[in-house]
Amino acid sequence: CAKCCTVFSITGIVFLVLIGILLEYQPLYVKGIVEPSKSAQSCYQGAVIYAGTLLLSLGYWSFDESRKRLARQAERNKPKNQKIKFGSKYGAVAN
């Protein structure tokens, strides 16, 4: 999920910034815009929101990868074929 959100956030940022630039410098290419500068600012604000989502996605992606790495390390360090002997006077004993 974090990888998908990261890709969508990057795409949203690029798209909104490009539309904002278009509205600032060439507003005639977009029909129906009454106040191009206000619309451009709205695009930039949307890009900032996507940037926040990008940071959250990257943070979770990093957290998830470190969690997976720790789980792999724990699996590698786990003793293999260890037999447990029951019935000693102190409880179970690993051999």
PDB file of N, CA and C in Angstrom:
ATOM      1  N   CYS A   1       0.820  -1.195   0.000  1.00  0.00           N
ATOM      2  CA  CYS A   1       0.000   0.000   0.000  1.00  0.00           C
ATOM      3  C   CYS A   1       0.869   1.266   0.000  1.00  0.00           C
ATOM      4  N   ALA A   2       1.946   1.233   0.778  1.00  0.00           N
ATOM      5  CA  ALA A   2       2.803   2.419   0.860  1.00  0.00           C
ATOM      6  C   ALA A   2       3.488   2.711  -0.469  1.00  0.00           C
ATOM      7  N   LYS A   3       3.873   1.660  -1.185  1.00  0.00           N
ATOM      8  CA  LYS A   3       4.523   1.860  -2.485  1.00  0.00           C
ATOM      9  C   LYS A   3       3.545   2.492  -3.472  1.00  0.00           C
ATOM     10  N   CYS A   4       2.314   2.009  -3.464  1.00  0.00           N
ATOM     11  CA  CYS A   4       1.286   2.540  -4.358  1.00  0.00           C
ATOM     12  C   CYS A   4       0.989   4.007  -4.021  1.00  0.00           C
ATOM     13  N   CYS A   5       0.843   4.312  -2.747  1.00  0.00           N
ATOM     14  CA  CYS A   5       0.572   5.692  -2.330  1.00  0.00           C
ATOM     15  C   CYS A   5       1.740   6.615  -2.691  1.00  0.00           C
ATOM     16  N   THR A   6       2.962   6.097  -2.601  1.00  0.00           N
ATOM     17  CA  THR A   6       4.136   6.886  -2.962  1.00  0.00           C
ATOM     18  C   THR A   6       4.102   7.251  -4.445  1.00  0.00           C
ATOM     19  N   VAL A   7       3.801   6.267  -5.277  1.00  0.00           N
ATOM     20  CA  VAL A   7       3.743   6.522  -6.724  1.00  0.00           C
ATOM     21  C   VAL A   7       2.630   7.513  -7.052  1.00  0.00           C
ATOM     22  N   PHE A   8       1.449   7.321  -6.464  1.00  0.00           N
ATOM     23  CA  PHE A   8       0.340   8.237  -6.731  1.00  0.00           C
ATOM     24  C   PHE A   8       0.640   9.646  -6.218  1.00  0.00           C
ATOM     25  N   SER A   9       1.314   9.760  -5.092  1.00  0.00           N
ATOM     26  CA  SER A   9       1.655  11.074  -4.556  1.00  0.00           C
ATOM     27  C   SER A   9       2.629  11.806  -5.464  1.00  0.00           C
ATOM     28  N   ILE A  10       3.640  11.100  -5.940  1.00  0.00           N
ATOM     29  CA  ILE A  10       4.607  11.723  -6.849  1.00  0.00           C
ATOM     30  C   ILE A  10       3.907  12.171  -8.128  1.00  0.00           C
ATOM     31  N   THR A  11       3.036  11.319  -8.653  1.00  0.00           N
ATOM     32  CA  THR A  11       2.294  11.666  -9.867  1.00  0.00           C
ATOM     33  C   THR A  11       1.409  12.889  -9.632  1.00  0.00           C
ATOM     34  N   GLY A  12       0.723  12.925  -8.496  1.00  0.00           N
ATOM     35  CA  GLY A  12      -0.142  14.065  -8.173  1.00  0.00           C
ATOM     36  C   GLY A  12       0.630  15.357  -8.025  1.00  0.00           C
ATOM     37  N   ILE A  13       1.794  15.289  -7.392  1.00  0.00           N
ATOM     38  CA  ILE A  13       2.617  16.487  -7.218  1.00  0.00           C
ATOM     39  C   ILE A  13       3.050  17.029  -8.576  1.00  0.00           C
ATOM     40  N   VAL A  14       3.585  16.143  -9.408  1.00  0.00           N
ATOM     41  CA  VAL A  14       4.068  16.578 -10.721  1.00  0.00           C
ATOM     42  C   VAL A  14       2.917  17.171 -11.538  1.00  0.00           C
ATOM     43  N   PHE A  15       1.790  16.472 -11.571  1.00  0.00           N
ATOM     44  CA  PHE A  15       0.651  16.944 -12.360  1.00  0.00           C
ATOM     45  C   PHE A  15       0.152  18.300 -11.876  1.00  0.00           C
ATOM     46  N   LEU A  16      -0.054  18.451 -10.576  1.00  0.00           N
ATOM     47  CA  LEU A  16      -0.595  19.709 -10.063  1.00  0.00           C
ATOM     48  C   LEU A  16       0.379  20.876 -10.228  1.00  0.00           C
ATOM     49  N   VAL A  17       1.671  20.610 -10.065  1.00  0.00           N
ATOM     50  CA  VAL A  17       2.651  21.681 -10.272  1.00  0.00           C
ATOM     51  C   VAL A  17       2.663  22.102 -11.738  1.00  0.00           C
ATOM     52  N   LEU A  18       2.617  21.136 -12.650  1.00  0.00           N
ATOM     53  CA  LEU A  18       2.595  21.488 -14.073  1.00  0.00           C
ATOM     54  C   LEU A  18       1.336  22.263 -14.453  1.00  0.00           C
ATOM     55  N   ILE A  19       0.188  21.859 -13.923  1.00  0.00           N
ATOM     56  CA  ILE A  19      -1.053  22.592 -14.202  1.00  0.00           C
ATOM     57  C   ILE A  19      -0.984  23.991 -13.593  1.00  0.00           C
ATOM     58  N   GLY A  20      -0.414  24.101 -12.389  1.00  0.00           N
ATOM     59  CA  GLY A  20      -0.249  25.419 -11.767  1.00  0.00           C
ATOM     60  C   GLY A  20       0.624  26.336 -12.590  1.00  0.00           C
ATOM     61  N   ILE A  21       1.731  25.805 -13.119  1.00  0.00           N
ATOM     62  CA  ILE A  21       2.611  26.598 -13.978  1.00  0.00           C
ATOM     63  C   ILE A  21       1.880  27.008 -15.256  1.00  0.00           C
ATOM     64  N   LEU A  22       1.132  26.058 -15.823  1.00  0.00           N
ATOM     65  CA  LEU A  22       0.356  26.359 -17.025  1.00  0.00           C
ATOM     66  C   LEU A  22      -0.652  27.480 -16.764  1.00  0.00           C
ATOM     67  N   LEU A  23      -1.323  27.411 -15.619  1.00  0.00           N
ATOM     68  CA  LEU A  23      -2.307  28.441 -15.288  1.00  0.00           C
ATOM     69  C   LEU A  23      -1.656  29.801 -15.031  1.00  0.00           C
ATOM     70  N   GLU A  24      -0.440  29.780 -14.508  1.00  0.00           N
ATOM     71  CA  GLU A  24       0.252  31.049 -14.248  1.00  0.00           C
ATOM     72  C   GLU A  24       0.735  31.708 -15.526  1.00  0.00           C
ATOM     73  N   TYR A  25       1.352  30.918 -16.403  1.00  0.00           N
ATOM     74  CA  TYR A  25       2.028  31.504 -17.562  1.00  0.00           C
ATOM     75  C   TYR A  25       1.240  31.437 -18.870  1.00  0.00           C
ATOM     76  N   GLN A  26       0.362  30.465 -19.019  1.00  0.00           N
ATOM     77  CA  GLN A  26      -0.429  30.326 -20.239  1.00  0.00           C
ATOM     78  C   GLN A  26      -1.891  29.982 -19.901  1.00  0.00           C
ATOM     79  N   PRO A  27      -2.609  30.853 -19.228  1.00  0.00           N
ATOM     80  CA  PRO A  27      -3.970  30.518 -18.798  1.00  0.00           C
ATOM     81  C   PRO A  27      -4.966  30.343 -19.940  1.00  0.00           C
ATOM     82  N   LEU A  28      -4.610  30.810 -21.130  1.00  0.00           N
ATOM     83  CA  LEU A  28      -5.543  30.694 -22.259  1.00  0.00           C
ATOM     84  C   LEU A  28      -5.684  29.254 -22.741  1.00  0.00           C
ATOM     85  N   TYR A  29      -4.737  28.380 -22.369  1.00  0.00           N
ATOM     86  CA  TYR A  29      -4.822  26.977 -22.776  1.00  0.00           C
ATOM     87  C   TYR A  29      -5.867  26.193 -21.980  1.00  0.00           C
ATOM     88  N   VAL A  30      -6.330  26.757 -20.872  1.00  0.00           N
ATOM     89  CA  VAL A  30      -7.326  26.085 -20.026  1.00  0.00           C
ATOM     90  C   VAL A  30      -8.615  26.885 -20.118  1.00  0.00           C
ATOM     91  N   LYS A  31      -9.653  26.246 -20.619  1.00  0.00           N
ATOM     92  CA  LYS A  31     -10.928  26.949 -20.788  1.00  0.00           C
ATOM     93  C   LYS A  31     -11.689  27.046 -19.468  1.00  0.00           C
ATOM     94  N   GLY A  32     -12.439  28.107 -19.332  1.00  0.00           N
ATOM     95  CA  GLY A  32     -13.356  28.259 -18.207  1.00  0.00           C
ATOM     96  C   GLY A  32     -12.732  28.747 -16.916  1.00  0.00           C
ATOM     97  N   ILE A  33     -11.493  29.178 -16.930  1.00  0.00           N
ATOM     98  CA  ILE A  33     -10.841  29.668 -15.721  1.00  0.00           C
ATOM     99  C   ILE A  33     -11.044  31.179 -15.645  1.00  0.00           C
ATOM    100  N   VAL A  34     -11.713  31.614 -14.574  1.00  0.00           N
ATOM    101  CA  VAL A  34     -11.996  33.039 -14.403  1.00  0.00           C
ATOM    102  C   VAL A  34     -10.802  33.752 -13.770  1.00  0.00           C
ATOM    103  N   GLU A  35     -10.250  33.156 -12.711  1.00  0.00           N
ATOM    104  CA  GLU A  35      -9.105  33.743 -12.009  1.00  0.00           C
ATOM    105  C   GLU A  35      -7.934  32.762 -12.063  1.00  0.00           C
ATOM    106  N   PRO A  36      -7.094  32.862 -13.082  1.00  0.00           N
ATOM    107  CA  PRO A  36      -6.010  31.890 -13.248  1.00  0.00           C
ATOM    108  C   PRO A  36      -5.013  31.870 -12.089  1.00  0.00           C
ATOM    109  N   SER A  37      -4.707  33.030 -11.523  1.00  0.00           N
ATOM    110  CA  SER A  37      -3.720  33.047 -10.434  1.00  0.00           C
ATOM    111  C   SER A  37      -4.263  32.346  -9.193  1.00  0.00           C
ATOM    112  N   LYS A  38      -5.553  32.514  -8.918  1.00  0.00           N
ATOM    113  CA  LYS A  38      -6.179  31.839  -7.783  1.00  0.00           C
ATOM    114  C   LYS A  38      -6.230  30.326  -8.022  1.00  0.00           C
ATOM    115  N   SER A  39      -6.508  29.945  -9.251  1.00  0.00           N
ATOM    116  CA  SER A  39      -6.549  28.525  -9.598  1.00  0.00           C
ATOM    117  C   SER A  39      -5.159  27.905  -9.519  1.00  0.00           C
ATOM    118  N   ALA A  40      -4.149  28.661  -9.932  1.00  0.00           N
ATOM    119  CA  ALA A  40      -2.772  28.170  -9.849  1.00  0.00           C
ATOM    120  C   ALA A  40      -2.375  27.953  -8.393  1.00  0.00           C
ATOM    121  N   GLN A  41      -2.764  28.891  -7.525  1.00  0.00           N
ATOM    122  CA  GLN A  41      -2.462  28.737  -6.097  1.00  0.00           C
ATOM    123  C   GLN A  41      -3.154  27.505  -5.515  1.00  0.00           C
ATOM    124  N   SER A  42      -4.365  27.239  -5.959  1.00  0.00           N
ATOM    125  CA  SER A  42      -5.068  26.043  -5.501  1.00  0.00           C
ATOM    126  C   SER A  42      -4.342  24.769  -5.947  1.00  0.00           C
ATOM    127  N   CYS A  43      -3.796  24.785  -7.156  1.00  0.00           N
ATOM    128  CA  CYS A  43      -3.012  23.643  -7.630  1.00  0.00           C
ATOM    129  C   CYS A  43      -1.775  23.443  -6.763  1.00  0.00           C
ATOM    130  N   TYR A  44      -1.093  24.526  -6.433  1.00  0.00           N
ATOM    131  CA  TYR A  44       0.099  24.422  -5.595  1.00  0.00           C
ATOM    132  C   TYR A  44      -0.248  23.924  -4.194  1.00  0.00           C
ATOM    133  N   GLN A  45      -1.378  24.378  -3.657  1.00  0.00           N
ATOM    134  CA  GLN A  45      -1.807  23.903  -2.343  1.00  0.00           C
ATOM    135  C   GLN A  45      -2.119  22.404  -2.388  1.00  0.00           C
ATOM    136  N   GLY A  46      -2.745  21.962  -3.465  1.00  0.00           N
ATOM    137  CA  GLY A  46      -3.001  20.533  -3.628  1.00  0.00           C
ATOM    138  C   GLY A  46      -1.705  19.736  -3.719  1.00  0.00           C
ATOM    139  N   ALA A  47      -0.698  20.305  -4.384  1.00  0.00           N
ATOM    140  CA  ALA A  47       0.602  19.642  -4.485  1.00  0.00           C
ATOM    141  C   ALA A  47       1.266  19.522  -3.113  1.00  0.00           C
ATOM    142  N   VAL A  48       1.082  20.527  -2.266  1.00  0.00           N
ATOM    143  CA  VAL A  48       1.635  20.472  -0.908  1.00  0.00           C
ATOM    144  C   VAL A  48       0.947  19.363  -0.106  1.00  0.00           C
ATOM    145  N   ILE A  49      -0.348  19.218  -0.278  1.00  0.00           N
ATOM    146  CA  ILE A  49      -1.067  18.143   0.409  1.00  0.00           C
ATOM    147  C   ILE A  49      -0.553  16.785  -0.073  1.00  0.00           C
ATOM    148  N   TYR A  50      -0.339  16.653  -1.378  1.00  0.00           N
ATOM    149  CA  TYR A  50       0.238  15.408  -1.906  1.00  0.00           C
ATOM    150  C   TYR A  50       1.647  15.188  -1.359  1.00  0.00           C
ATOM    151  N   ALA A  51       2.412  16.259  -1.158  1.00  0.00           N
ATOM    152  CA  ALA A  51       3.758  16.125  -0.596  1.00  0.00           C
ATOM    153  C   ALA A  51       3.685  15.576   0.840  1.00  0.00           C
ATOM    154  N   GLY A  52       2.689  16.032   1.598  1.00  0.00           N
ATOM    155  CA  GLY A  52       2.493  15.479   2.939  1.00  0.00           C
ATOM    156  C   GLY A  52       2.160  14.004   2.890  1.00  0.00           C
ATOM    157  N   THR A  53       1.303  13.627   1.948  1.00  0.00           N
ATOM    158  CA  THR A  53       0.962  12.219   1.776  1.00  0.00           C
ATOM    159  C   THR A  53       2.193  11.422   1.348  1.00  0.00           C
ATOM    160  N   LEU A  54       3.023  12.022   0.516  1.00  0.00           N
ATOM    161  CA  LEU A  54       4.260  11.363   0.088  1.00  0.00           C
ATOM    162  C   LEU A  54       5.172  11.106   1.283  1.00  0.00           C
ATOM    163  N   LEU A  55       5.323  12.079   2.157  1.00  0.00           N
ATOM    164  CA  LEU A  55       6.175  11.901   3.335  1.00  0.00           C
ATOM    165  C   LEU A  55       5.636  10.797   4.245  1.00  0.00           C
ATOM    166  N   LEU A  56       4.321  10.786   4.446  1.00  0.00           N
ATOM    167  CA  LEU A  56       3.728   9.721   5.267  1.00  0.00           C
ATOM    168  C   LEU A  56       3.930   8.352   4.620  1.00  0.00           C
ATOM    169  N   SER A  57       3.758   8.274   3.327  1.00  0.00           N
ATOM    170  CA  SER A  57       3.925   7.007   2.614  1.00  0.00           C
ATOM    171  C   SER A  57       5.366   6.519   2.683  1.00  0.00           C
ATOM    172  N   LEU A  58       6.307   7.429   2.476  1.00  0.00           N
ATOM    173  CA  LEU A  58       7.716   7.050   2.565  1.00  0.00           C
ATOM    174  C   LEU A  58       8.089   6.619   3.981  1.00  0.00           C
ATOM    175  N   GLY A  59       7.536   7.303   4.964  1.00  0.00           N
ATOM    176  CA  GLY A  59       7.789   6.924   6.355  1.00  0.00           C
ATOM    177  C   GLY A  59       7.264   5.540   6.674  1.00  0.00           C
ATOM    178  N   TYR A  60       6.052   5.248   6.232  1.00  0.00           N
ATOM    179  CA  TYR A  60       5.497   3.920   6.489  1.00  0.00           C
ATOM    180  C   TYR A  60       6.241   2.858   5.699  1.00  0.00           C
ATOM    181  N   TRP A  61       6.631   3.170   4.474  1.00  0.00           N
ATOM    182  CA  TRP A  61       7.380   2.229   3.647  1.00  0.00           C
ATOM    183  C   TRP A  61       8.699   1.871   4.341  1.00  0.00           C
ATOM    184  N   SER A  62       9.392   2.884   4.854  1.00  0.00           N
ATOM    185  CA  SER A  62      10.646   2.666   5.570  1.00  0.00           C
ATOM    186  C   SER A  62      10.417   1.829   6.828  1.00  0.00           C
ATOM    187  N   PHE A  63       9.371   2.146   7.571  1.00  0.00           N
ATOM    188  CA  PHE A  63       9.040   1.389   8.778  1.00  0.00           C
ATOM    189  C   PHE A  63       8.740  -0.072   8.438  1.00  0.00           C
ATOM    190  N   ASP A  64       7.968  -0.285   7.393  1.00  0.00           N
ATOM    191  CA  ASP A  64       7.591  -1.636   6.992  1.00  0.00           C
ATOM    192  C   ASP A  64       8.806  -2.439   6.544  1.00  0.00           C
ATOM    193  N   GLU A  65       9.707  -1.802   5.790  1.00  0.00           N
ATOM    194  CA  GLU A  65      10.915  -2.496   5.336  1.00  0.00           C
ATOM    195  C   GLU A  65      11.814  -2.857   6.512  1.00  0.00           C
ATOM    196  N   SER A  66      11.955  -1.964   7.477  1.00  0.00           N
ATOM    197  CA  SER A  66      12.798  -2.274   8.640  1.00  0.00           C
ATOM    198  C   SER A  66      12.166  -3.379   9.482  1.00  0.00           C
ATOM    199  N   ARG A  67      10.846  -3.397   9.567  1.00  0.00           N
ATOM    200  CA  ARG A  67      10.163  -4.463  10.296  1.00  0.00           C
ATOM    201  C   ARG A  67      10.384  -5.813   9.611  1.00  0.00           C
ATOM    202  N   LYS A  68      10.302  -5.836   8.292  1.00  0.00           N
ATOM    203  CA  LYS A  68      10.545  -7.075   7.540  1.00  0.00           C
ATOM    204  C   LYS A  68      11.993  -7.528   7.689  1.00  0.00           C
ATOM    205  N   ARG A  69      12.933  -6.575   7.655  1.00  0.00           N
ATOM    206  CA  ARG A  69      14.345  -6.922   7.818  1.00  0.00           C
ATOM    207  C   ARG A  69      14.606  -7.529   9.189  1.00  0.00           C
ATOM    208  N   LEU A  70      14.004  -6.953  10.226  1.00  0.00           N
ATOM    209  CA  LEU A  70      14.181  -7.506  11.569  1.00  0.00           C
ATOM    210  C   LEU A  70      13.568  -8.896  11.683  1.00  0.00           C
ATOM    211  N   ALA A  71      12.441  -9.112  11.026  1.00  0.00           N
ATOM    212  CA  ALA A  71      11.813 -10.436  11.062  1.00  0.00           C
ATOM    213  C   ALA A  71      12.697 -11.461  10.353  1.00  0.00           C
ATOM    214  N   ARG A  72      13.322 -11.082   9.238  1.00  0.00           N
ATOM    215  CA  ARG A  72      14.232 -11.999   8.532  1.00  0.00           C
ATOM    216  C   ARG A  72      15.454 -12.311   9.382  1.00  0.00           C
ATOM    217  N   GLN A  73      15.989 -11.302  10.075  1.00  0.00           N
ATOM    218  CA  GLN A  73      17.142 -11.532  10.942  1.00  0.00           C
ATOM    219  C   GLN A  73      16.780 -12.462  12.095  1.00  0.00           C
ATOM    220  N   ALA A  74      15.596 -12.263  12.658  1.00  0.00           N
ATOM    221  CA  ALA A  74      15.153 -13.118  13.755  1.00  0.00           C
ATOM    222  C   ALA A  74      14.974 -14.558  13.269  1.00  0.00           C
ATOM    223  N   GLU A  75      14.490 -14.721  12.057  1.00  0.00           N
ATOM    224  CA  GLU A  75      14.298 -16.059  11.495  1.00  0.00           C
ATOM    225  C   GLU A  75      15.645 -16.742  11.248  1.00  0.00           C
ATOM    226  N   ARG A  76      16.628 -15.971  10.791  1.00  0.00           N
ATOM    227  CA  ARG A  76      17.965 -16.539  10.562  1.00  0.00           C
ATOM    228  C   ARG A  76      18.642 -16.922  11.868  1.00  0.00           C
ATOM    229  N   ASN A  77      18.416 -16.146  12.919  1.00  0.00           N
ATOM    230  CA  ASN A  77      19.082 -16.391  14.201  1.00  0.00           C
ATOM    231  C   ASN A  77      18.377 -17.423  15.068  1.00  0.00           C
ATOM    232  N   LYS A  78      17.219 -17.886  14.620  1.00  0.00           N
ATOM    233  CA  LYS A  78      16.469 -18.865  15.395  1.00  0.00           C
ATOM    234  C   LYS A  78      17.210 -20.198  15.360  1.00  0.00           C
ATOM    235  N   PRO A  79      17.336 -20.859  16.518  1.00  0.00           N
ATOM    236  CA  PRO A  79      18.016 -22.163  16.533  1.00  0.00           C
ATOM    237  C   PRO A  79      17.250 -23.179  15.686  1.00  0.00           C
ATOM    238  N   LYS A  80      18.005 -24.013  14.969  1.00  0.00           N
ATOM    239  CA  LYS A  80      17.390 -25.001  14.100  1.00  0.00           C
ATOM    240  C   LYS A  80      17.449 -26.390  14.734  1.00  0.00           C
ATOM    241  N   ASN A  81      16.391 -27.150  14.555  1.00  0.00           N
ATOM    242  CA  ASN A  81      16.310 -28.544  14.997  1.00  0.00           C
ATOM    243  C   ASN A  81      16.670 -28.728  16.465  1.00  0.00           C
ATOM    244  N   GLN A  82      16.230 -27.810  17.262  1.00  0.00           N
ATOM    245  CA  GLN A  82      16.503 -27.920  18.683  1.00  0.00           C
ATOM    246  C   GLN A  82      15.431 -28.799  19.318  1.00  0.00           C
ATOM    247  N   LYS A  83      15.865 -29.834  20.026  1.00  0.00           N
ATOM    248  CA  LYS A  83      14.923 -30.754  20.657  1.00  0.00           C
ATOM    249  C   LYS A  83      14.724 -30.350  22.116  1.00  0.00           C
ATOM    250  N   ILE A  84      13.505 -30.465  22.542  1.00  0.00           N
ATOM    251  CA  ILE A  84      13.183 -30.135  23.923  1.00  0.00           C
ATOM    252  C   ILE A  84      12.927 -31.432  24.669  1.00  0.00           C
ATOM    253  N   LYS A  85      13.621 -31.603  25.768  1.00  0.00           N
ATOM    254  CA  LYS A  85      13.510 -32.812  26.568  1.00  0.00           C
ATOM    255  C   LYS A  85      12.620 -32.512  27.766  1.00  0.00           C
ATOM    256  N   PHE A  86      11.537 -33.261  27.870  1.00  0.00           N
ATOM    257  CA  PHE A  86      10.608 -33.074  28.976  1.00  0.00           C
ATOM    258  C   PHE A  86      10.887 -34.121  30.051  1.00  0.00           C
ATOM    259  N   GLY A  87      10.523 -33.822  31.238  1.00  0.00           N
ATOM    260  CA  GLY A  87      10.585 -34.807  32.297  1.00  0.00           C
ATOM    261  C   GLY A  87      11.733 -34.622  33.253  1.00  0.00           C
ATOM    262  N   SER A  88      12.561 -33.585  33.081  1.00  0.00           N
ATOM    263  CA  SER A  88      13.604 -33.374  34.064  1.00  0.00           C
ATOM    264  C   SER A  88      12.963 -32.774  35.308  1.00  0.00           C
ATOM    265  N   LYS A  89      13.683 -32.781  36.391  1.00  0.00           N
ATOM    266  CA  LYS A  89      13.083 -32.254  37.619  1.00  0.00           C
ATOM    267  C   LYS A  89      12.921 -30.743  37.623  1.00  0.00           C
ATOM    268  N   TYR A  90      13.511 -30.059  36.625  1.00  0.00           N
ATOM    269  CA  TYR A  90      13.386 -28.611  36.542  1.00  0.00           C
ATOM    270  C   TYR A  90      12.448 -28.161  35.428  1.00  0.00           C
ATOM    271  N   GLY A  91      11.775 -29.066  34.752  1.00  0.00           N
ATOM    272  CA  GLY A  91      10.889 -28.702  33.647  1.00  0.00           C
ATOM    273  C   GLY A  91      11.512 -29.117  32.331  1.00  0.00           C
ATOM    274  N   ALA A  92      11.203 -28.387  31.278  1.00  0.00           N
ATOM    275  CA  ALA A  92      11.704 -28.714  29.949  1.00  0.00           C
ATOM    276  C   ALA A  92      13.116 -28.150  29.773  1.00  0.00           C
ATOM    277  N   VAL A  93      13.964 -28.936  29.110  1.00  0.00           N
ATOM    278  CA  VAL A  93      15.342 -28.540  28.871  1.00  0.00           C
ATOM    279  C   VAL A  93      15.621 -28.676  27.387  1.00  0.00           C
ATOM    280  N   ALA A  94      16.250 -27.657  26.781  1.00  0.00           N
ATOM    281  CA  ALA A  94      16.590 -27.714  25.364  1.00  0.00           C
ATOM    282  C   ALA A  94      17.947 -28.370  25.203  1.00  0.00           C
ATOM    283  N   ASN A  95      18.053 -29.271  24.244  1.00  0.00           N
ATOM    284  CA  ASN A  95      19.341 -29.927  23.946  1.00  0.00           C
ATOM    285  C   ASN A  95      19.938 -29.345  22.709  1.00  0.00           C
TER     286      ASN A  95
END
